[in-house]
Amino acid sequence: MNQEEIEAMFQNKSLDSELLLKWSKLLEYDFFRIYSQHLILYAPPSIFQTNTQSKIKSNLPKFRKNIYSKEIIDFVLQQIKSGKMTKKEVIEIYSIPKTTLYKWISKHAV
């Protein structure tokens, strides 16, 4: 592709998901995360969250391990700060690890 074709693609209102996947692999950045991050808080526990997953090797690009965006962190901390939820409720409802929550709290001084 030349520069004009890439710029035209950038100016388009929408982008085919197959093409977006190719760009994600090429640039090693998960563009789909932008559209799916709000689902993280409500997703059921995965059956793959076991020790056997770490034994499986994949040729897929490795993306950032931090699954919590700034918006999600701010939302959770606001729930605690406003008194709508306790720390224990946040941990149970959203399946956020206790250590992760307390790191957020200490970093953002709730």
PDB file of N, CA and C in Angstrom:
ATOM      1  N   MET A   1       0.835  -1.191   0.000  1.00  0.00           N
ATOM      2  CA  MET A   1       0.000   0.000   0.000  1.00  0.00           C
ATOM      3  C   MET A   1       0.875   1.249   0.000  1.00  0.00           C
ATOM      4  N   ASN A   2       0.388   2.246  -0.658  1.00  0.00           N
ATOM      5  CA  ASN A   2       1.112   3.513  -0.614  1.00  0.00           C
ATOM      6  C   ASN A   2       0.492   4.417   0.451  1.00  0.00           C
ATOM      7  N   GLN A   3       1.108   5.541   0.676  1.00  0.00           N
ATOM      8  CA  GLN A   3       0.691   6.441   1.748  1.00  0.00           C
ATOM      9  C   GLN A   3      -0.735   6.963   1.529  1.00  0.00           C
ATOM     10  N   GLU A   4      -1.104   7.250   0.301  1.00  0.00           N
ATOM     11  CA  GLU A   4      -2.443   7.762   0.016  1.00  0.00           C
ATOM     12  C   GLU A   4      -3.518   6.733   0.345  1.00  0.00           C
ATOM     13  N   GLU A   5      -3.259   5.457   0.043  1.00  0.00           N
ATOM     14  CA  GLU A   5      -4.229   4.401   0.353  1.00  0.00           C
ATOM     15  C   GLU A   5      -4.412   4.250   1.863  1.00  0.00           C
ATOM     16  N   ILE A   6      -3.330   4.353   2.590  1.00  0.00           N
ATOM     17  CA  ILE A   6      -3.399   4.259   4.056  1.00  0.00           C
ATOM     18  C   ILE A   6      -4.153   5.451   4.626  1.00  0.00           C
ATOM     19  N   GLU A   7      -3.885   6.645   4.115  1.00  0.00           N
ATOM     20  CA  GLU A   7      -4.603   7.830   4.578  1.00  0.00           C
ATOM     21  C   GLU A   7      -6.089   7.744   4.247  1.00  0.00           C
ATOM     22  N   ALA A   8      -6.437   7.206   3.084  1.00  0.00           N
ATOM     23  CA  ALA A   8      -7.838   7.039   2.707  1.00  0.00           C
ATOM     24  C   ALA A   8      -8.516   6.050   3.646  1.00  0.00           C
ATOM     25  N   MET A   9      -7.814   4.996   4.008  1.00  0.00           N
ATOM     26  CA  MET A   9      -8.340   4.013   4.951  1.00  0.00           C
ATOM     27  C   MET A   9      -8.591   4.669   6.311  1.00  0.00           C
ATOM     28  N   PHE A  10      -7.684   5.519   6.735  1.00  0.00           N
ATOM     29  CA  PHE A  10      -7.813   6.225   8.002  1.00  0.00           C
ATOM     30  C   PHE A  10      -9.021   7.158   8.003  1.00  0.00           C
ATOM     31  N   GLN A  11      -9.318   7.759   6.860  1.00  0.00           N
ATOM     32  CA  GLN A  11     -10.427   8.710   6.762  1.00  0.00           C
ATOM     33  C   GLN A  11     -11.795   8.032   6.676  1.00  0.00           C
ATOM     34  N   ASN A  12     -11.821   6.727   6.356  1.00  0.00           N
ATOM     35  CA  ASN A  12     -13.092   6.010   6.252  1.00  0.00           C
ATOM     36  C   ASN A  12     -13.842   6.033   7.570  1.00  0.00           C
ATOM     37  N   LYS A  13     -15.178   6.013   7.479  1.00  0.00           N
ATOM     38  CA  LYS A  13     -16.018   6.008   8.670  1.00  0.00           C
ATOM     39  C   LYS A  13     -15.943   4.666   9.394  1.00  0.00           C
ATOM     40  N   SER A  14     -15.765   3.585   8.651  1.00  0.00           N
ATOM     41  CA  SER A  14     -15.669   2.262   9.268  1.00  0.00           C
ATOM     42  C   SER A  14     -14.544   1.473   8.600  1.00  0.00           C
ATOM     43  N   LEU A  15     -14.161   0.381   9.283  1.00  0.00           N
ATOM     44  CA  LEU A  15     -13.056  -0.438   8.811  1.00  0.00           C
ATOM     45  C   LEU A  15     -13.448  -1.895   9.004  1.00  0.00           C
ATOM     46  N   ASP A  16     -13.249  -2.704   7.993  1.00  0.00           N
ATOM     47  CA  ASP A  16     -13.575  -4.112   8.058  1.00  0.00           C
ATOM     48  C   ASP A  16     -12.796  -4.781   9.191  1.00  0.00           C
ATOM     49  N   SER A  17     -13.451  -5.654   9.959  1.00  0.00           N
ATOM     50  CA  SER A  17     -12.788  -6.280  11.107  1.00  0.00           C
ATOM     51  C   SER A  17     -11.602  -7.152  10.692  1.00  0.00           C
ATOM     52  N   GLU A  18     -11.669  -7.764   9.537  1.00  0.00           N
ATOM     53  CA  GLU A  18     -10.542  -8.576   9.058  1.00  0.00           C
ATOM     54  C   GLU A  18      -9.317  -7.693   8.804  1.00  0.00           C
ATOM     55  N   LEU A  19      -9.564  -6.527   8.224  1.00  0.00           N
ATOM     56  CA  LEU A  19      -8.477  -5.580   7.977  1.00  0.00           C
ATOM     57  C   LEU A  19      -7.928  -5.030   9.301  1.00  0.00           C
ATOM     58  N   LEU A  20      -8.824  -4.764  10.238  1.00  0.00           N
ATOM     59  CA  LEU A  20      -8.393  -4.282  11.552  1.00  0.00           C
ATOM     60  C   LEU A  20      -7.562  -5.334  12.279  1.00  0.00           C
ATOM     61  N   LEU A  21      -7.909  -6.590  12.127  1.00  0.00           N
ATOM     62  CA  LEU A  21      -7.131  -7.670  12.726  1.00  0.00           C
ATOM     63  C   LEU A  21      -5.730  -7.717  12.113  1.00  0.00           C
ATOM     64  N   LYS A  22      -5.641  -7.542  10.813  1.00  0.00           N
ATOM     65  CA  LYS A  22      -4.325  -7.523  10.151  1.00  0.00           C
ATOM     66  C   LYS A  22      -3.472  -6.367  10.677  1.00  0.00           C
ATOM     67  N   TRP A  23      -4.077  -5.184  10.832  1.00  0.00           N
ATOM     68  CA  TRP A  23      -3.336  -4.051  11.382  1.00  0.00           C
ATOM     69  C   TRP A  23      -2.911  -4.335  12.818  1.00  0.00           C
ATOM     70  N   SER A  24      -3.782  -4.974  13.598  1.00  0.00           N
ATOM     71  CA  SER A  24      -3.456  -5.314  14.988  1.00  0.00           C
ATOM     72  C   SER A  24      -2.239  -6.221  15.048  1.00  0.00           C
ATOM     73  N   LYS A  25      -2.197  -7.208  14.169  1.00  0.00           N
ATOM     74  CA  LYS A  25      -1.060  -8.133  14.147  1.00  0.00           C
ATOM     75  C   LYS A  25       0.209  -7.423  13.678  1.00  0.00           C
ATOM     76  N   LEU A  26       0.083  -6.617  12.641  1.00  0.00           N
ATOM     77  CA  LEU A  26       1.239  -5.917  12.094  1.00  0.00           C
ATOM     78  C   LEU A  26       1.852  -4.950  13.107  1.00  0.00           C
ATOM     79  N   LEU A  27       0.999  -4.185  13.772  1.00  0.00           N
ATOM     80  CA  LEU A  27       1.477  -3.161  14.710  1.00  0.00           C
ATOM     81  C   LEU A  27       1.604  -3.677  16.142  1.00  0.00           C
ATOM     82  N   GLU A  28       1.202  -4.943  16.355  1.00  0.00           N
ATOM     83  CA  GLU A  28       1.234  -5.565  17.680  1.00  0.00           C
ATOM     84  C   GLU A  28       0.510  -4.710  18.710  1.00  0.00           C
ATOM     85  N   TYR A  29      -0.709  -4.279  18.331  1.00  0.00           N
ATOM     86  CA  TYR A  29      -1.555  -3.490  19.214  1.00  0.00           C
ATOM     87  C   TYR A  29      -2.982  -3.994  19.059  1.00  0.00           C
ATOM     88  N   ASP A  30      -3.665  -4.188  20.166  1.00  0.00           N
ATOM     89  CA  ASP A  30      -5.010  -4.737  20.143  1.00  0.00           C
ATOM     90  C   ASP A  30      -6.046  -3.620  19.954  1.00  0.00           C
ATOM     91  N   PHE A  31      -6.373  -3.318  18.706  1.00  0.00           N
ATOM     92  CA  PHE A  31      -7.360  -2.282  18.423  1.00  0.00           C
ATOM     93  C   PHE A  31      -8.768  -2.695  18.846  1.00  0.00           C
ATOM     94  N   PHE A  32      -9.038  -3.982  18.942  1.00  0.00           N
ATOM     95  CA  PHE A  32     -10.348  -4.456  19.349  1.00  0.00           C
ATOM     96  C   PHE A  32     -10.619  -4.153  20.818  1.00  0.00           C
ATOM     97  N   ARG A  33      -9.574  -3.961  21.579  1.00  0.00           N
ATOM     98  CA  ARG A  33      -9.714  -3.682  23.013  1.00  0.00           C
ATOM     99  C   ARG A  33     -10.507  -2.397  23.245  1.00  0.00           C
ATOM    100  N   ILE A  34     -10.363  -1.443  22.361  1.00  0.00           N
ATOM    101  CA  ILE A  34     -11.083  -0.178  22.475  1.00  0.00           C
ATOM    102  C   ILE A  34     -12.584  -0.426  22.523  1.00  0.00           C
ATOM    103  N   TYR A  35     -13.048  -1.391  21.757  1.00  0.00           N
ATOM    104  CA  TYR A  35     -14.477  -1.643  21.666  1.00  0.00           C
ATOM    105  C   TYR A  35     -14.982  -2.655  22.695  1.00  0.00           C
ATOM    106  N   SER A  36     -14.083  -3.403  23.287  1.00  0.00           N
ATOM    107  CA  SER A  36     -14.532  -4.468  24.183  1.00  0.00           C
ATOM    108  C   SER A  36     -14.194  -4.251  25.650  1.00  0.00           C
ATOM    109  N   GLN A  37     -13.458  -3.194  25.981  1.00  0.00           N
ATOM    110  CA  GLN A  37     -13.008  -3.041  27.355  1.00  0.00           C
ATOM    111  C   GLN A  37     -14.149  -2.864  28.345  1.00  0.00           C
ATOM    112  N   HIS A  38     -15.271  -2.285  27.935  1.00  0.00           N
ATOM    113  CA  HIS A  38     -16.373  -2.112  28.870  1.00  0.00           C
ATOM    114  C   HIS A  38     -17.031  -3.441  29.229  1.00  0.00           C
ATOM    115  N   LEU A  39     -16.794  -4.490  28.447  1.00  0.00           N
ATOM    116  CA  LEU A  39     -17.367  -5.803  28.728  1.00  0.00           C
ATOM    117  C   LEU A  39     -16.595  -6.567  29.798  1.00  0.00           C
ATOM    118  N   ILE A  40     -15.378  -6.152  30.088  1.00  0.00           N
ATOM    119  CA  ILE A  40     -14.513  -6.869  31.021  1.00  0.00           C
ATOM    120  C   ILE A  40     -15.149  -6.996  32.398  1.00  0.00           C
ATOM    121  N   LEU A  41     -15.763  -5.919  32.863  1.00  0.00           N
ATOM    122  CA  LEU A  41     -16.320  -5.942  34.217  1.00  0.00           C
ATOM    123  C   LEU A  41     -17.486  -6.928  34.359  1.00  0.00           C
ATOM    124  N   TYR A  42     -18.151  -7.216  33.270  1.00  0.00           N
ATOM    125  CA  TYR A  42     -19.341  -8.053  33.341  1.00  0.00           C
ATOM    126  C   TYR A  42     -19.162  -9.421  32.695  1.00  0.00           C
ATOM    127  N   ALA A  43     -17.969  -9.722  32.257  1.00  0.00           N
ATOM    128  CA  ALA A  43     -17.714 -11.006  31.603  1.00  0.00           C
ATOM    129  C   ALA A  43     -17.667 -12.124  32.635  1.00  0.00           C
ATOM    130  N   PRO A  44     -18.234 -13.283  32.299  1.00  0.00           N
ATOM    131  CA  PRO A  44     -18.149 -14.420  33.229  1.00  0.00           C
ATOM    132  C   PRO A  44     -16.725 -14.931  33.296  1.00  0.00           C
ATOM    133  N   PRO A  45     -16.375 -15.604  34.384  1.00  0.00           N
ATOM    134  CA  PRO A  45     -15.018 -16.155  34.483  1.00  0.00           C
ATOM    135  C   PRO A  45     -14.754 -17.116  33.324  1.00  0.00           C
ATOM    136  N   SER A  46     -13.580 -17.037  32.797  1.00  0.00           N
ATOM    137  CA  SER A  46     -13.210 -17.871  31.661  1.00  0.00           C
ATOM    138  C   SER A  46     -12.797 -19.257  32.132  1.00  0.00           C
ATOM    139  N   ILE A  47     -13.118 -20.282  31.340  1.00  0.00           N
ATOM    140  CA  ILE A  47     -12.692 -21.638  31.684  1.00  0.00           C
ATOM    141  C   ILE A  47     -11.209 -21.814  31.439  1.00  0.00           C
ATOM    142  N   PHE A  48     -10.626 -20.846  30.716  1.00  0.00           N
ATOM    143  CA  PHE A  48      -9.206 -20.937  30.400  1.00  0.00           C
ATOM    144  C   PHE A  48      -8.318 -20.298  31.465  1.00  0.00           C
ATOM    145  N   GLN A  49      -8.902 -19.784  32.518  1.00  0.00           N
ATOM    146  CA  GLN A  49      -8.116 -19.147  33.570  1.00  0.00           C
ATOM    147  C   GLN A  49      -7.571 -20.200  34.526  1.00  0.00           C
ATOM    148  N   THR A  50      -6.807 -21.103  33.985  1.00  0.00           N
ATOM    149  CA  THR A  50      -6.202 -22.159  34.783  1.00  0.00           C
ATOM    150  C   THR A  50      -4.720 -22.200  34.496  1.00  0.00           C
ATOM    151  N   ASN A  51      -4.018 -23.025  35.215  1.00  0.00           N
ATOM    152  CA  ASN A  51      -2.579 -23.143  35.002  1.00  0.00           C
ATOM    153  C   ASN A  51      -2.246 -23.796  33.667  1.00  0.00           C
ATOM    154  N   THR A  52      -3.187 -24.550  33.097  1.00  0.00           N
ATOM    155  CA  THR A  52      -2.913 -25.216  31.826  1.00  0.00           C
ATOM    156  C   THR A  52      -2.777 -24.225  30.684  1.00  0.00           C
ATOM    157  N   GLN A  53      -3.380 -23.043  30.840  1.00  0.00           N
ATOM    158  CA  GLN A  53      -3.296 -22.051  29.767  1.00  0.00           C
ATOM    159  C   GLN A  53      -1.857 -21.592  29.560  1.00  0.00           C
ATOM    160  N   SER A  54      -1.100 -21.477  30.625  1.00  0.00           N
ATOM    161  CA  SER A  54       0.264 -20.985  30.493  1.00  0.00           C
ATOM    162  C   SER A  54       1.160 -21.976  29.759  1.00  0.00           C
ATOM    163  N   LYS A  55       0.747 -23.245  29.657  1.00  0.00           N
ATOM    164  CA  LYS A  55       1.532 -24.261  28.966  1.00  0.00           C
ATOM    165  C   LYS A  55       1.304 -24.230  27.458  1.00  0.00           C
ATOM    166  N   ILE A  56       0.203 -23.600  27.029  1.00  0.00           N
ATOM    167  CA  ILE A  56      -0.137 -23.543  25.613  1.00  0.00           C
ATOM    168  C   ILE A  56       0.618 -22.382  24.973  1.00  0.00           C
ATOM    169  N   LYS A  57       1.345 -22.681  23.900  1.00  0.00           N
ATOM    170  CA  LYS A  57       2.085 -21.634  23.193  1.00  0.00           C
ATOM    171  C   LYS A  57       1.261 -21.188  21.993  1.00  0.00           C
ATOM    172  N   SER A  58       1.343 -19.912  21.709  1.00  0.00           N
ATOM    173  CA  SER A  58       0.558 -19.350  20.624  1.00  0.00           C
ATOM    174  C   SER A  58       1.451 -18.501  19.724  1.00  0.00           C
ATOM    175  N   ASN A  59       1.081 -18.453  18.448  1.00  0.00           N
ATOM    176  CA  ASN A  59       1.804 -17.615  17.500  1.00  0.00           C
ATOM    177  C   ASN A  59       1.183 -16.226  17.392  1.00  0.00           C
ATOM    178  N   LEU A  60       0.098 -15.997  18.134  1.00  0.00           N
ATOM    179  CA  LEU A  60      -0.567 -14.707  18.086  1.00  0.00           C
ATOM    180  C   LEU A  60       0.299 -13.659  18.768  1.00  0.00           C
ATOM    181  N   PRO A  61       0.167 -12.411  18.362  1.00  0.00           N
ATOM    182  CA  PRO A  61       0.952 -11.360  19.024  1.00  0.00           C
ATOM    183  C   PRO A  61       0.530 -11.215  20.478  1.00  0.00           C
ATOM    184  N   LYS A  62       1.468 -10.841  21.322  1.00  0.00           N
ATOM    185  CA  LYS A  62       1.176 -10.644  22.735  1.00  0.00           C
ATOM    186  C   LYS A  62       0.857  -9.178  22.959  1.00  0.00           C
ATOM    187  N   PHE A  63      -0.314  -8.938  23.551  1.00  0.00           N
ATOM    188  CA  PHE A  63      -0.742  -7.578  23.815  1.00  0.00           C
ATOM    189  C   PHE A  63      -0.521  -7.242  25.283  1.00  0.00           C
ATOM    190  N   ARG A  64      -0.765  -6.021  25.653  1.00  0.00           N
ATOM    191  CA  ARG A  64      -0.584  -5.592  27.027  1.00  0.00           C
ATOM    192  C   ARG A  64      -1.353  -6.495  27.978  1.00  0.00           C
ATOM    193  N   LYS A  65      -0.754  -6.784  29.113  1.00  0.00           N
ATOM    194  CA  LYS A  65      -1.395  -7.652  30.084  1.00  0.00           C
ATOM    195  C   LYS A  65      -2.401  -6.898  30.934  1.00  0.00           C
ATOM    196  N   ASN A  66      -2.277  -5.572  31.006  1.00  0.00           N
ATOM    197  CA  ASN A  66      -3.201  -4.788  31.803  1.00  0.00           C
ATOM    198  C   ASN A  66      -4.548  -4.735  31.096  1.00  0.00           C
ATOM    199  N   ILE A  67      -5.549  -5.401  31.665  1.00  0.00           N
ATOM    200  CA  ILE A  67      -6.854  -5.441  31.017  1.00  0.00           C
ATOM    201  C   ILE A  67      -7.762  -4.326  31.487  1.00  0.00           C
ATOM    202  N   TYR A  68      -7.330  -3.565  32.477  1.00  0.00           N
ATOM    203  CA  TYR A  68      -8.166  -2.513  33.029  1.00  0.00           C
ATOM    204  C   TYR A  68      -7.739  -1.158  32.478  1.00  0.00           C
ATOM    205  N   SER A  69      -8.657  -0.499  31.795  1.00  0.00           N
ATOM    206  CA  SER A  69      -8.361   0.829  31.260  1.00  0.00           C
ATOM    207  C   SER A  69      -8.495   1.862  32.371  1.00  0.00           C
ATOM    208  N   LYS A  70      -8.039   3.058  32.102  1.00  0.00           N
ATOM    209  CA  LYS A  70      -8.153   4.151  33.080  1.00  0.00           C
ATOM    210  C   LYS A  70      -9.612   4.408  33.417  1.00  0.00           C
ATOM    211  N   GLU A  71     -10.499   4.291  32.431  1.00  0.00           N
ATOM    212  CA  GLU A  71     -11.925   4.524  32.661  1.00  0.00           C
ATOM    213  C   GLU A  71     -12.502   3.505  33.631  1.00  0.00           C
ATOM    214  N   ILE A  72     -12.108   2.243  33.476  1.00  0.00           N
ATOM    215  CA  ILE A  72     -12.596   1.192  34.369  1.00  0.00           C
ATOM    216  C   ILE A  72     -12.082   1.431  35.783  1.00  0.00           C
ATOM    217  N   ILE A  73     -10.803   1.756  35.916  1.00  0.00           N
ATOM    218  CA  ILE A  73     -10.218   2.018  37.236  1.00  0.00           C
ATOM    219  C   ILE A  73     -10.937   3.194  37.895  1.00  0.00           C
ATOM    220  N   ASP A  74     -11.135   4.273  37.141  1.00  0.00           N
ATOM    221  CA  ASP A  74     -11.826   5.444  37.691  1.00  0.00           C
ATOM    222  C   ASP A  74     -13.247   5.103  38.121  1.00  0.00           C
ATOM    223  N   PHE A  75     -13.956   4.307  37.314  1.00  0.00           N
ATOM    224  CA  PHE A  75     -15.322   3.904  37.639  1.00  0.00           C
ATOM    225  C   PHE A  75     -15.357   3.123  38.950  1.00  0.00           C
ATOM    226  N   VAL A  76     -14.487   2.138  39.087  1.00  0.00           N
ATOM    227  CA  VAL A  76     -14.453   1.300  40.286  1.00  0.00           C
ATOM    228  C   VAL A  76     -14.107   2.137  41.511  1.00  0.00           C
ATOM    229  N   LEU A  77     -13.110   2.990  41.391  1.00  0.00           N
ATOM    230  CA  LEU A  77     -12.710   3.823  42.530  1.00  0.00           C
ATOM    231  C   LEU A  77     -13.804   4.820  42.904  1.00  0.00           C
ATOM    232  N   GLN A  78     -14.541   5.308  41.919  1.00  0.00           N
ATOM    233  CA  GLN A  78     -15.655   6.220  42.205  1.00  0.00           C
ATOM    234  C   GLN A  78     -16.772   5.492  42.945  1.00  0.00           C
ATOM    235  N   GLN A  79     -17.009   4.227  42.603  1.00  0.00           N
ATOM    236  CA  GLN A  79     -18.026   3.433  43.302  1.00  0.00           C
ATOM    237  C   GLN A  79     -17.675   3.320  44.787  1.00  0.00           C
ATOM    238  N   ILE A  80     -16.399   3.133  45.078  1.00  0.00           N
ATOM    239  CA  ILE A  80     -15.948   3.009  46.470  1.00  0.00           C
ATOM    240  C   ILE A  80     -16.007   4.366  47.168  1.00  0.00           C
ATOM    241  N   LYS A  81     -15.499   5.394  46.484  1.00  0.00           N
ATOM    242  CA  LYS A  81     -15.438   6.731  47.074  1.00  0.00           C
ATOM    243  C   LYS A  81     -16.832   7.268  47.398  1.00  0.00           C
ATOM    244  N   SER A  82     -17.790   7.016  46.524  1.00  0.00           N
ATOM    245  CA  SER A  82     -19.149   7.523  46.731  1.00  0.00           C
ATOM    246  C   SER A  82     -19.924   6.696  47.756  1.00  0.00           C
ATOM    247  N   GLY A  83     -19.386   5.550  48.127  1.00  0.00           N
ATOM    248  CA  GLY A  83     -20.066   4.700  49.106  1.00  0.00           C
ATOM    249  C   GLY A  83     -21.110   3.779  48.496  1.00  0.00           C
ATOM    250  N   LYS A  84     -21.200   3.759  47.168  1.00  0.00           N
ATOM    251  CA  LYS A  84     -22.172   2.877  46.504  1.00  0.00           C
ATOM    252  C   LYS A  84     -21.794   1.412  46.679  1.00  0.00           C
ATOM    253  N   MET A  85     -20.495   1.140  46.777  1.00  0.00           N
ATOM    254  CA  MET A  85     -20.012  -0.231  46.949  1.00  0.00           C
ATOM    255  C   MET A  85     -18.859  -0.235  47.945  1.00  0.00           C
ATOM    256  N   THR A  86     -18.719  -1.350  48.636  1.00  0.00           N
ATOM    257  CA  THR A  86     -17.564  -1.518  49.511  1.00  0.00           C
ATOM    258  C   THR A  86     -16.444  -2.167  48.704  1.00  0.00           C
ATOM    259  N   LYS A  87     -15.256  -2.166  49.269  1.00  0.00           N
ATOM    260  CA  LYS A  87     -14.128  -2.805  48.589  1.00  0.00           C
ATOM    261  C   LYS A  87     -14.411  -4.285  48.376  1.00  0.00           C
ATOM    262  N   LYS A  88     -14.997  -4.906  49.380  1.00  0.00           N
ATOM    263  CA  LYS A  88     -15.304  -6.339  49.289  1.00  0.00           C
ATOM    264  C   LYS A  88     -16.313  -6.609  48.171  1.00  0.00           C
ATOM    265  N   GLU A  89     -17.312  -5.757  48.041  1.00  0.00           N
ATOM    266  CA  GLU A  89     -18.312  -5.925  46.980  1.00  0.00           C
ATOM    267  C   GLU A  89     -17.670  -5.783  45.598  1.00  0.00           C
ATOM    268  N   VAL A  90     -16.793  -4.813  45.452  1.00  0.00           N
ATOM    269  CA  VAL A  90     -16.108  -4.605  44.166  1.00  0.00           C
ATOM    270  C   VAL A  90     -15.310  -5.853  43.799  1.00  0.00           C
ATOM    271  N   ILE A  91     -14.579  -6.398  44.767  1.00  0.00           N
ATOM    272  CA  ILE A  91     -13.765  -7.591  44.524  1.00  0.00           C
ATOM    273  C   ILE A  91     -14.642  -8.769  44.109  1.00  0.00           C
ATOM    274  N   GLU A  92     -15.765  -8.944  44.793  1.00  0.00           N
ATOM    275  CA  GLU A  92     -16.650 -10.077  44.502  1.00  0.00           C
ATOM    276  C   GLU A  92     -17.419  -9.912  43.197  1.00  0.00           C
ATOM    277  N   ILE A  93     -17.998  -8.744  42.986  1.00  0.00           N
ATOM    278  CA  ILE A  93     -18.857  -8.533  41.811  1.00  0.00           C
ATOM    279  C   ILE A  93     -18.054  -8.487  40.516  1.00  0.00           C
ATOM    280  N   TYR A  94     -16.931  -7.761  40.516  1.00  0.00           N
ATOM    281  CA  TYR A  94     -16.164  -7.575  39.293  1.00  0.00           C
ATOM    282  C   TYR A  94     -14.976  -8.516  39.165  1.00  0.00           C
ATOM    283  N   SER A  95     -14.749  -9.378  40.148  1.00  0.00           N
ATOM    284  CA  SER A  95     -13.637 -10.345  40.136  1.00  0.00           C
ATOM    285  C   SER A  95     -12.282  -9.655  39.944  1.00  0.00           C
ATOM    286  N   ILE A  96     -12.127  -8.523  40.598  1.00  0.00           N
ATOM    287  CA  ILE A  96     -10.854  -7.814  40.555  1.00  0.00           C
ATOM    288  C   ILE A  96     -10.006  -8.344  41.698  1.00  0.00           C
ATOM    289  N   PRO A  97      -8.766  -8.752  41.442  1.00  0.00           N
ATOM    290  CA  PRO A  97      -7.921  -9.251  42.517  1.00  0.00           C
ATOM    291  C   PRO A  97      -7.752  -8.206  43.622  1.00  0.00           C
ATOM    292  N   LYS A  98      -7.750  -8.686  44.848  1.00  0.00           N
ATOM    293  CA  LYS A  98      -7.654  -7.816  46.019  1.00  0.00           C
ATOM    294  C   LYS A  98      -6.397  -6.934  45.949  1.00  0.00           C
ATOM    295  N   THR A  99      -5.278  -7.551  45.577  1.00  0.00           N
ATOM    296  CA  THR A  99      -4.024  -6.784  45.507  1.00  0.00           C
ATOM    297  C   THR A  99      -4.105  -5.687  44.451  1.00  0.00           C
ATOM    298  N   THR A 100      -4.761  -5.973  43.340  1.00  0.00           N
ATOM    299  CA  THR A 100      -4.911  -4.978  42.269  1.00  0.00           C
ATOM    300  C   THR A 100      -5.727  -3.796  42.768  1.00  0.00           C
ATOM    301  N   LEU A 101      -6.847  -4.083  43.434  1.00  0.00           N
ATOM    302  CA  LEU A 101      -7.705  -3.016  43.939  1.00  0.00           C
ATOM    303  C   LEU A 101      -6.946  -2.133  44.930  1.00  0.00           C
ATOM    304  N   TYR A 102      -6.211  -2.741  45.835  1.00  0.00           N
ATOM    305  CA  TYR A 102      -5.484  -1.953  46.827  1.00  0.00           C
ATOM    306  C   TYR A 102      -4.334  -1.158  46.203  1.00  0.00           C
ATOM    307  N   LYS A 103      -3.756  -1.645  45.111  1.00  0.00           N
ATOM    308  CA  LYS A 103      -2.746  -0.865  44.390  1.00  0.00           C
ATOM    309  C   LYS A 103      -3.379   0.374  43.771  1.00  0.00           C
ATOM    310  N   TRP A 104      -4.574   0.191  43.189  1.00  0.00           N
ATOM    311  CA  TRP A 104      -5.294   1.336  42.615  1.00  0.00           C
ATOM    312  C   TRP A 104      -5.602   2.361  43.699  1.00  0.00           C
ATOM    313  N   ILE A 105      -6.085   1.887  44.833  1.00  0.00           N
ATOM    314  CA  ILE A 105      -6.458   2.781  45.921  1.00  0.00           C
ATOM    315  C   ILE A 105      -5.247   3.568  46.410  1.00  0.00           C
ATOM    316  N   SER A 106      -4.135   2.888  46.598  1.00  0.00           N
ATOM    317  CA  SER A 106      -2.934   3.594  47.088  1.00  0.00           C
ATOM    318  C   SER A 106      -2.380   4.552  46.034  1.00  0.00           C
ATOM    319  N   LYS A 107      -2.494   4.192  44.782  1.00  0.00           N
ATOM    320  CA  LYS A 107      -1.969   5.036  43.709  1.00  0.00           C
ATOM    321  C   LYS A 107      -2.839   6.279  43.504  1.00  0.00           C
ATOM    322  N   HIS A 108      -4.156   6.104  43.642  1.00  0.00           N
ATOM    323  CA  HIS A 108      -5.092   7.212  43.366  1.00  0.00           C
ATOM    324  C   HIS A 108      -5.641   7.853  44.636  1.00  0.00           C
ATOM    325  N   ALA A 109      -5.184   7.414  45.799  1.00  0.00           N
ATOM    326  CA  ALA A 109      -5.538   7.994  47.101  1.00  0.00           C
ATOM    327  C   ALA A 109      -7.032   8.177  47.296  1.00  0.00           C
ATOM    328  N   VAL A 110      -7.762   7.072  47.278  1.00  0.00           N
ATOM    329  CA  VAL A 110      -9.223   7.127  47.500  1.00  0.00           C
ATOM    330  C   VAL A 110      -9.494   7.275  48.986  1.00  0.00           C
TER     331      VAL A 110
END
